């Protein structure tokens, strides 16, 4: 797994532009043409990927699933709710050392809303990423669901490290219980890859997306003014595009 994160570190911002700037510095004296090209590409890529306009361009083709209409949602057509892990804060001392990330909280909050509306059981899916110690992401999400939203016992899938593994290990838990029709909760930009992964495991999936990036609005300079928040979102979207393109090549049933 480590090689995947190394590649992302070297290619995606800020690592990619910094690597190009390093090339420019090394080549400046003996290969000035190469140096100027590397510097120009680094500048343009960092600028474009720091703009809200690029967020819209990258997110629009990914965020194709509409929000759930709660008033029209029929629990009889579903067997369970699956909420995917969205990261953790490992140094949240005020919470005893670990807490769900802001993104994970967005997913958990919506899963709780769906559960309260439908009465369906919830499976929290997320393991120990990057070799981190316990608790798992699933356990952290379950803690929020039970303590903050007073939901009953939550099913925990604590082995997965990727979206594909989310689906595999969820299937191992839900299918023996006869649960194959799921409401799947994750971010709108992550939904296409997630739905594909779960459908490959034989699930009938109803997408329940949260927090679309394509809603980004910034009229300042037509959305072309650099913004640190936009850079963070664009890195997420680049990673999602890479996953969406590579998953069918690496995984299939």
Protein backbone atom coordinates (compact mmCIF):
# COMPACT_ATOMS: atom_id res chain seq x y z
CA UNK A 1 0.00 0.00 0.00
CA UNK A 2 2.87 2.40 0.71
CA UNK A 3 3.85 2.75 -2.95
CA UNK A 4 0.41 4.14 -3.79
CA UNK A 5 0.79 6.94 -1.28
CA UNK A 6 4.33 7.64 -2.47
CA UNK A 7 3.12 8.05 -6.06
CA UNK A 8 0.36 10.41 -4.95
CA UNK A 9 2.87 12.36 -2.87
CA UNK A 10 5.13 12.85 -5.89
CA UNK A 11 2.43 13.59 -8.48
CA UNK A 12 -0.35 15.49 -6.73
CA UNK A 13 -0.02 19.01 -5.31
CA UNK A 14 1.90 20.24 -3.52
CA UNK A 15 4.44 17.43 -4.14
CA UNK A 16 4.17 17.48 -7.94
CA UNK A 17 4.73 21.24 -8.41
CA UNK A 18 7.51 21.20 -5.81
CA UNK A 19 9.23 18.36 -7.69
CA UNK A 20 9.00 20.37 -10.92
CA UNK A 21 10.47 23.42 -9.18
CA UNK A 22 13.33 21.26 -7.91
CA UNK A 23 13.97 20.14 -11.49
CA UNK A 24 13.95 23.78 -12.59
CA UNK A 25 16.50 24.75 -9.94
CA UNK A 26 18.83 21.87 -10.78
CA UNK A 27 18.59 22.46 -14.54
CA UNK A 28 18.66 26.25 -14.49
CA UNK A 29 22.33 26.66 -15.38
CA UNK A 30 22.91 23.83 -17.86
CA UNK A 31 19.40 23.25 -19.25
CA UNK A 32 17.68 26.64 -19.09
CA UNK A 33 14.96 25.66 -21.55
CA UNK A 34 14.01 22.62 -19.48
CA UNK A 35 14.17 24.71 -16.33
CA UNK A 36 11.83 27.37 -17.70
CA UNK A 37 9.36 24.72 -18.90
CA UNK A 38 9.36 22.93 -15.54
CA UNK A 39 8.89 26.19 -13.64
CA UNK A 40 6.06 27.28 -15.93
CA UNK A 41 4.24 23.94 -15.59
CA UNK A 42 4.67 24.04 -11.80
CA UNK A 43 3.26 27.56 -11.62
CA UNK A 44 0.29 26.90 -13.92
CA UNK A 45 -0.65 23.58 -12.32
CA UNK A 46 -0.47 24.98 -8.79
CA UNK A 47 -2.48 28.05 -9.77
CA UNK A 48 -5.20 26.17 -11.65
CA UNK A 49 -5.53 23.54 -8.95
CA UNK A 50 -5.94 26.32 -6.38
CA UNK A 51 -9.03 27.75 -8.07
CA UNK A 52 -12.72 27.12 -7.32
CA UNK A 53 -13.33 27.00 -11.07
CA UNK A 54 -11.16 23.88 -11.35
CA UNK A 55 -13.14 22.35 -8.46
CA UNK A 56 -16.28 22.72 -10.55
CA UNK A 57 -14.67 21.29 -13.67
CA UNK A 58 -13.26 18.25 -11.88
CA UNK A 59 -16.29 17.59 -9.68
CA UNK A 60 -19.15 17.92 -12.15
CA UNK A 61 -18.54 14.61 -14.02
CA UNK A 62 -18.05 12.75 -10.71
CA UNK A 63 -21.07 14.03 -8.82
CA UNK A 64 -23.84 12.51 -10.92
CA UNK A 65 -26.02 11.05 -8.14
CA UNK A 66 -28.76 13.37 -6.83
CA UNK A 67 -29.48 13.84 -3.12
CA UNK A 68 -31.88 11.44 -1.45
CA UNK A 69 -35.49 12.61 -1.23
CA UNK A 70 -36.24 11.71 2.37
CA UNK A 71 -39.98 12.22 2.02
CA UNK A 72 -40.10 9.65 -0.79
CA UNK A 73 -37.70 7.16 0.79
CA UNK A 74 -39.28 3.77 1.44
CA UNK A 75 -37.43 1.67 4.01
CA UNK A 76 -39.14 -1.47 2.70
CA UNK A 77 -36.99 -1.23 -0.42
CA UNK A 78 -33.73 -1.39 1.54
CA UNK A 79 -32.10 -3.75 4.01
CA UNK A 80 -29.34 -1.64 5.58
CA UNK A 81 -27.42 1.62 5.57
CA UNK A 82 -23.67 1.49 4.88
CA UNK A 83 -21.57 4.53 5.78
CA UNK A 84 -17.96 4.65 4.57
CA UNK A 85 -15.10 5.97 6.68
CA UNK A 86 -13.79 9.41 5.80
CA UNK A 87 -10.65 9.76 7.88
CA UNK A 88 -9.74 10.48 11.47
CA UNK A 89 -8.06 13.10 13.63
CA UNK A 90 -5.39 11.13 15.51
CA UNK A 91 -4.32 13.96 17.85
CA UNK A 92 -7.68 15.03 19.26
CA UNK A 93 -6.58 15.04 22.88
CA UNK A 94 -9.85 16.63 23.98
CA UNK A 95 -11.55 13.41 22.84
CA UNK A 96 -9.00 11.04 24.31
CA UNK A 97 -6.64 10.94 21.33
CA UNK A 98 -8.83 10.03 18.34
CA UNK A 99 -11.82 11.59 16.64
CA UNK A 100 -13.57 11.26 13.28
CA UNK A 101 -12.53 13.82 10.69
CA UNK A 102 -14.81 16.62 9.51
CA UNK A 103 -15.52 14.64 6.35
CA UNK A 104 -16.33 11.48 8.28
CA UNK A 105 -18.65 13.49 10.52
CA UNK A 106 -20.56 14.72 7.47
CA UNK A 107 -21.11 11.12 6.42
CA UNK A 108 -22.00 9.93 9.92
CA UNK A 109 -24.49 12.72 10.46
CA UNK A 110 -26.32 11.87 7.24
CA UNK A 111 -26.26 8.14 7.98
CA UNK A 112 -27.83 8.90 11.36
CA UNK A 113 -30.54 10.98 9.68
CA UNK A 114 -31.32 8.14 7.28
CA UNK A 115 -31.36 5.61 10.11
CA UNK A 116 -33.72 7.72 12.22
CA UNK A 117 -35.98 8.21 9.20
CA UNK A 118 -36.08 4.57 8.07
CA UNK A 119 -35.28 2.47 11.14
CA UNK A 120 -32.72 0.51 9.09
CA UNK A 121 -29.57 -0.96 10.70
CA UNK A 122 -26.27 0.81 10.05
CA UNK A 123 -22.95 -0.74 9.07
CA UNK A 124 -19.92 1.53 9.62
CA UNK A 125 -17.06 0.56 7.29
CA UNK A 126 -13.46 1.65 7.84
CA UNK A 127 -10.26 0.06 9.11
CA UNK A 128 -6.84 1.14 10.36
CA UNK A 129 -5.23 3.29 7.68
CA UNK A 130 -1.46 3.77 7.34
CA UNK A 131 -0.74 1.33 10.14
CA UNK A 132 -2.39 3.46 12.80
CA UNK A 133 -3.31 1.92 16.09
CA UNK A 134 -6.85 1.21 17.24
CA UNK A 135 -9.60 2.31 17.31
CA UNK A 136 -10.64 1.77 13.70
CA UNK A 137 -12.51 4.38 11.70
CA UNK A 138 -15.60 2.20 11.97
CA UNK A 139 -15.35 2.16 15.76
CA UNK A 140 -14.98 5.94 15.87
CA UNK A 141 -18.02 6.39 13.64
CA UNK A 142 -20.03 3.94 15.71
CA UNK A 143 -19.13 5.86 18.86
CA UNK A 144 -20.58 9.04 17.36
CA UNK A 145 -23.68 7.25 16.10
CA UNK A 146 -24.41 5.67 19.47
CA UNK A 147 -23.43 8.52 21.80
CA UNK A 148 -24.54 11.57 19.81
CA UNK A 149 -27.50 10.13 17.88
CA UNK A 150 -28.66 7.40 20.30
CA UNK A 151 -28.76 4.76 17.58
CA UNK A 152 -28.82 1.11 18.65
CA UNK A 153 -26.00 -1.34 18.05
CA UNK A 154 -23.96 -0.55 14.93
CA UNK A 155 -22.36 -3.23 12.75
CA UNK A 156 -18.61 -2.67 12.51
CA UNK A 157 -16.49 -3.51 9.47
CA UNK A 158 -12.96 -2.76 10.70
CA UNK A 159 -10.64 -4.43 8.16
CA UNK A 160 -10.90 -2.26 5.05
CA UNK A 161 -8.23 0.19 3.89
CA UNK A 162 -9.66 1.07 0.47
CA UNK A 163 -13.07 1.59 -1.11
CA UNK A 164 -12.78 -1.82 -2.78
CA UNK A 165 -12.10 -3.46 0.58
CA UNK A 166 -15.04 -1.53 2.07
CA UNK A 167 -17.25 -3.40 -0.38
CA UNK A 168 -15.60 -6.81 0.05
CA UNK A 169 -15.74 -6.85 3.83
CA UNK A 170 -19.20 -5.29 3.95
CA UNK A 171 -20.43 -8.13 1.73
CA UNK A 172 -18.88 -10.70 4.06
CA UNK A 173 -20.92 -9.25 6.94
CA UNK A 174 -24.21 -8.30 5.29
CA UNK A 175 -24.85 -11.09 2.79
CA UNK A 176 -25.03 -13.88 5.43
CA UNK A 177 -27.74 -11.75 7.07
CA UNK A 178 -29.67 -11.58 3.80
CA UNK A 179 -29.02 -7.85 3.38
CA UNK A 180 -28.22 -6.94 -0.21
CA UNK A 181 -30.20 -3.72 -0.81
CA UNK A 182 -28.28 -0.85 0.75
CA UNK A 183 -28.36 2.88 1.16
CA UNK A 184 -24.73 3.87 0.63
CA UNK A 185 -23.48 7.01 2.36
CA UNK A 186 -20.32 8.74 1.23
CA UNK A 187 -19.32 12.06 -0.34
CA UNK A 188 -20.84 12.97 -3.69
CA UNK A 189 -17.42 13.03 -5.40
CA UNK A 190 -16.63 9.55 -4.03
CA UNK A 191 -19.96 7.98 -4.92
CA UNK A 192 -19.34 6.65 -8.46
CA UNK A 193 -16.38 4.53 -7.39
CA UNK A 194 -18.18 3.41 -4.24
CA UNK A 195 -21.35 2.35 -6.05
CA UNK A 196 -19.29 0.46 -8.64
CA UNK A 197 -17.36 -1.37 -5.92
CA UNK A 198 -20.49 -2.42 -4.04
CA UNK A 199 -22.34 -3.45 -7.19
CA UNK A 200 -19.37 -5.66 -8.07
CA UNK A 201 -20.08 -7.49 -4.81
CA UNK A 202 -23.71 -8.08 -5.79
CA UNK A 203 -25.37 -5.29 -3.81
CA UNK A 204 -28.33 -3.29 -5.05
CA UNK A 205 -27.20 0.23 -4.23
CA UNK A 206 -29.14 3.43 -3.62
CA UNK A 207 -26.69 6.31 -3.50
CA UNK A 208 -27.02 8.71 -0.56
CA UNK A 209 -24.38 11.37 -1.31
CA UNK A 210 -23.30 14.20 0.97
CA UNK A 211 -21.45 17.50 0.58
CA UNK A 212 -20.93 17.88 -3.19
CA UNK A 213 -17.87 19.86 -4.27
CA UNK A 214 -19.65 20.93 -7.45
CA UNK A 215 -21.69 23.36 -5.37
CA UNK A 216 -18.54 25.47 -5.00
CA UNK A 217 -19.38 29.10 -5.66
CA UNK A 218 -16.83 31.87 -5.97
CA UNK A 219 -17.55 34.80 -8.26
CA UNK A 220 -14.27 36.56 -7.47
CA UNK A 221 -12.37 36.82 -10.76
CA UNK A 222 -14.69 34.19 -12.28
CA UNK A 223 -13.56 31.60 -9.74
CA UNK A 224 -9.93 31.87 -10.89
CA UNK A 225 -8.52 33.48 -7.75
CA UNK A 226 -6.29 31.05 -5.79
CA UNK A 227 -7.85 29.62 -2.66
CA UNK A 228 -6.30 27.16 -0.19
CA UNK A 229 -9.59 25.35 0.36
CA UNK A 230 -9.98 24.85 -3.38
CA UNK A 231 -6.49 23.32 -3.57
CA UNK A 232 -7.43 20.80 -0.89
CA UNK A 233 -10.63 19.90 -2.75
CA UNK A 234 -8.87 19.57 -6.10
CA UNK A 235 -6.31 17.17 -4.66
CA UNK A 236 -9.21 15.03 -3.41
CA UNK A 237 -10.83 15.16 -6.83
CA UNK A 238 -7.62 14.22 -8.65
CA UNK A 239 -7.25 11.23 -6.36
CA UNK A 240 -10.85 10.26 -7.05
CA UNK A 241 -10.39 10.52 -10.82
CA UNK A 242 -7.32 8.29 -10.57
CA UNK A 243 -9.25 5.73 -8.51
CA UNK A 244 -12.26 5.80 -10.81
CA UNK A 245 -10.09 5.15 -13.86
CA UNK A 246 -7.88 2.50 -12.27
CA UNK A 247 -10.42 0.47 -10.28
CA UNK A 248 -11.96 -1.35 -13.28
CA UNK A 249 -8.43 -2.25 -14.42
CA UNK A 250 -7.35 -3.58 -11.02
CA UNK A 251 -10.58 -5.02 -9.63
CA UNK A 252 -13.51 -6.89 -11.12
CA UNK A 253 -15.67 -9.90 -10.38
